[in-house]
């Protein structure tokens, strides 16, 4: 469960970096 949340957080960060 924790690993899944970590992967989702990483994906969110990547999307934010792409938008920046």
PDB file of N, CA and C in Angstrom:
ATOM      1  N   UNK A   1       0.840  -1.211   0.000  1.00  0.00           N
ATOM      2  CA  UNK A   1       0.000   0.000   0.000  1.00  0.00           C
ATOM      3  C   UNK A   1       0.870   1.255   0.000  1.00  0.00           C
ATOM      4  N   UNK A   2       1.868   1.237   0.881  1.00  0.00           N
ATOM      5  CA  UNK A   2       2.766   2.390   0.976  1.00  0.00           C
ATOM      6  C   UNK A   2       3.540   2.584  -0.325  1.00  0.00           C
ATOM      7  N   UNK A   3       3.938   1.450  -0.932  1.00  0.00           N
ATOM      8  CA  UNK A   3       4.686   1.522  -2.195  1.00  0.00           C
ATOM      9  C   UNK A   3       3.816   2.124  -3.288  1.00  0.00           C
ATOM     10  N   UNK A   4       2.528   1.776  -3.289  1.00  0.00           N
ATOM     11  CA  UNK A   4       1.597   2.298  -4.292  1.00  0.00           C
ATOM     12  C   UNK A   4       1.446   3.806  -4.148  1.00  0.00           C
ATOM     13  N   UNK A   5       1.327   4.270  -2.902  1.00  0.00           N
ATOM     14  CA  UNK A   5       1.207   5.712  -2.666  1.00  0.00           C
ATOM     15  C   UNK A   5       2.470   6.432  -3.099  1.00  0.00           C
ATOM     16  N   UNK A   6       3.616   5.807  -2.874  1.00  0.00           N
ATOM     17  CA  UNK A   6       4.894   6.409  -3.257  1.00  0.00           C
ATOM     18  C   UNK A   6       4.993   6.539  -4.774  1.00  0.00           C
ATOM     19  N   UNK A   7       4.540   5.513  -5.487  1.00  0.00           N
ATOM     20  CA  UNK A   7       4.564   5.550  -6.951  1.00  0.00           C
ATOM     21  C   UNK A   7       3.618   6.623  -7.490  1.00  0.00           C
ATOM     22  N   UNK A   8       2.449   6.768  -6.869  1.00  0.00           N
ATOM     23  CA  UNK A   8       1.499   7.792  -7.302  1.00  0.00           C
ATOM     24  C   UNK A   8       2.061   9.186  -7.057  1.00  0.00           C
ATOM     25  N   UNK A   9       2.754   9.362  -5.940  1.00  0.00           N
ATOM     26  CA  UNK A   9       3.359  10.651  -5.617  1.00  0.00           C
ATOM     27  C   UNK A   9       4.440  10.986  -6.636  1.00  0.00           C
ATOM     28  N   UNK A  10       5.228   9.981  -7.006  1.00  0.00           N
ATOM     29  CA  UNK A  10       6.296  10.183  -7.992  1.00  0.00           C
ATOM     30  C   UNK A  10       5.700  10.592  -9.338  1.00  0.00           C
ATOM     31  N   UNK A  11       4.605   9.962  -9.721  1.00  0.00           N
ATOM     32  CA  UNK A  11       3.939  10.285 -10.979  1.00  0.00           C
ATOM     33  C   UNK A  11       3.399  11.713 -10.942  1.00  0.00           C
ATOM     34  N   UNK A  12       2.829  12.109  -9.815  1.00  0.00           N
ATOM     35  CA  UNK A  12       2.299  13.465  -9.668  1.00  0.00           C
ATOM     36  C   UNK A  12       3.407  14.495  -9.804  1.00  0.00           C
ATOM     37  N   UNK A  13       4.561  14.210  -9.192  1.00  0.00           N
ATOM     38  CA  UNK A  13       5.704  15.125  -9.271  1.00  0.00           C
ATOM     39  C   UNK A  13       6.171  15.252 -10.723  1.00  0.00           C
ATOM     40  N   UNK A  14       6.206  14.140 -11.432  1.00  0.00           N
ATOM     41  CA  UNK A  14       6.628  14.176 -12.840  1.00  0.00           C
ATOM     42  C   UNK A  14       5.676  15.031 -13.676  1.00  0.00           C
ATOM     43  N   UNK A  15       4.370  14.903 -13.416  1.00  0.00           N
ATOM     44  CA  UNK A  15       3.395  15.698 -14.156  1.00  0.00           C
ATOM     45  C   UNK A  15       3.573  17.182 -13.865  1.00  0.00           C
ATOM     46  N   UNK A  16       3.831  17.523 -12.598  1.00  0.00           N
ATOM     47  CA  UNK A  16       4.035  18.922 -12.228  1.00  0.00           C
ATOM     48  C   UNK A  16       5.285  19.475 -12.887  1.00  0.00           C
ATOM     49  N   UNK A  17       6.330  18.673 -12.972  1.00  0.00           N
ATOM     50  CA  UNK A  17       7.581  19.106 -13.611  1.00  0.00           C
ATOM     51  C   UNK A  17       7.350  19.340 -15.098  1.00  0.00           C
ATOM     52  N   UNK A  18       6.526  18.479 -15.720  1.00  0.00           N
ATOM     53  CA  UNK A  18       6.235  18.634 -17.147  1.00  0.00           C
ATOM     54  C   UNK A  18       5.450  19.914 -17.414  1.00  0.00           C
ATOM     55  N   UNK A  19       4.570  20.275 -16.490  1.00  0.00           N
ATOM     56  CA  UNK A  19       3.769  21.489 -16.663  1.00  0.00           C
ATOM     57  C   UNK A  19       4.598  22.743 -16.411  1.00  0.00           C
ATOM     58  N   UNK A  20       5.588  22.630 -15.549  1.00  0.00           N
ATOM     59  CA  UNK A  20       6.405  23.796 -15.176  1.00  0.00           C
ATOM     60  C   UNK A  20       7.258  24.295 -16.348  1.00  0.00           C
TER      61      UNK A  20
END
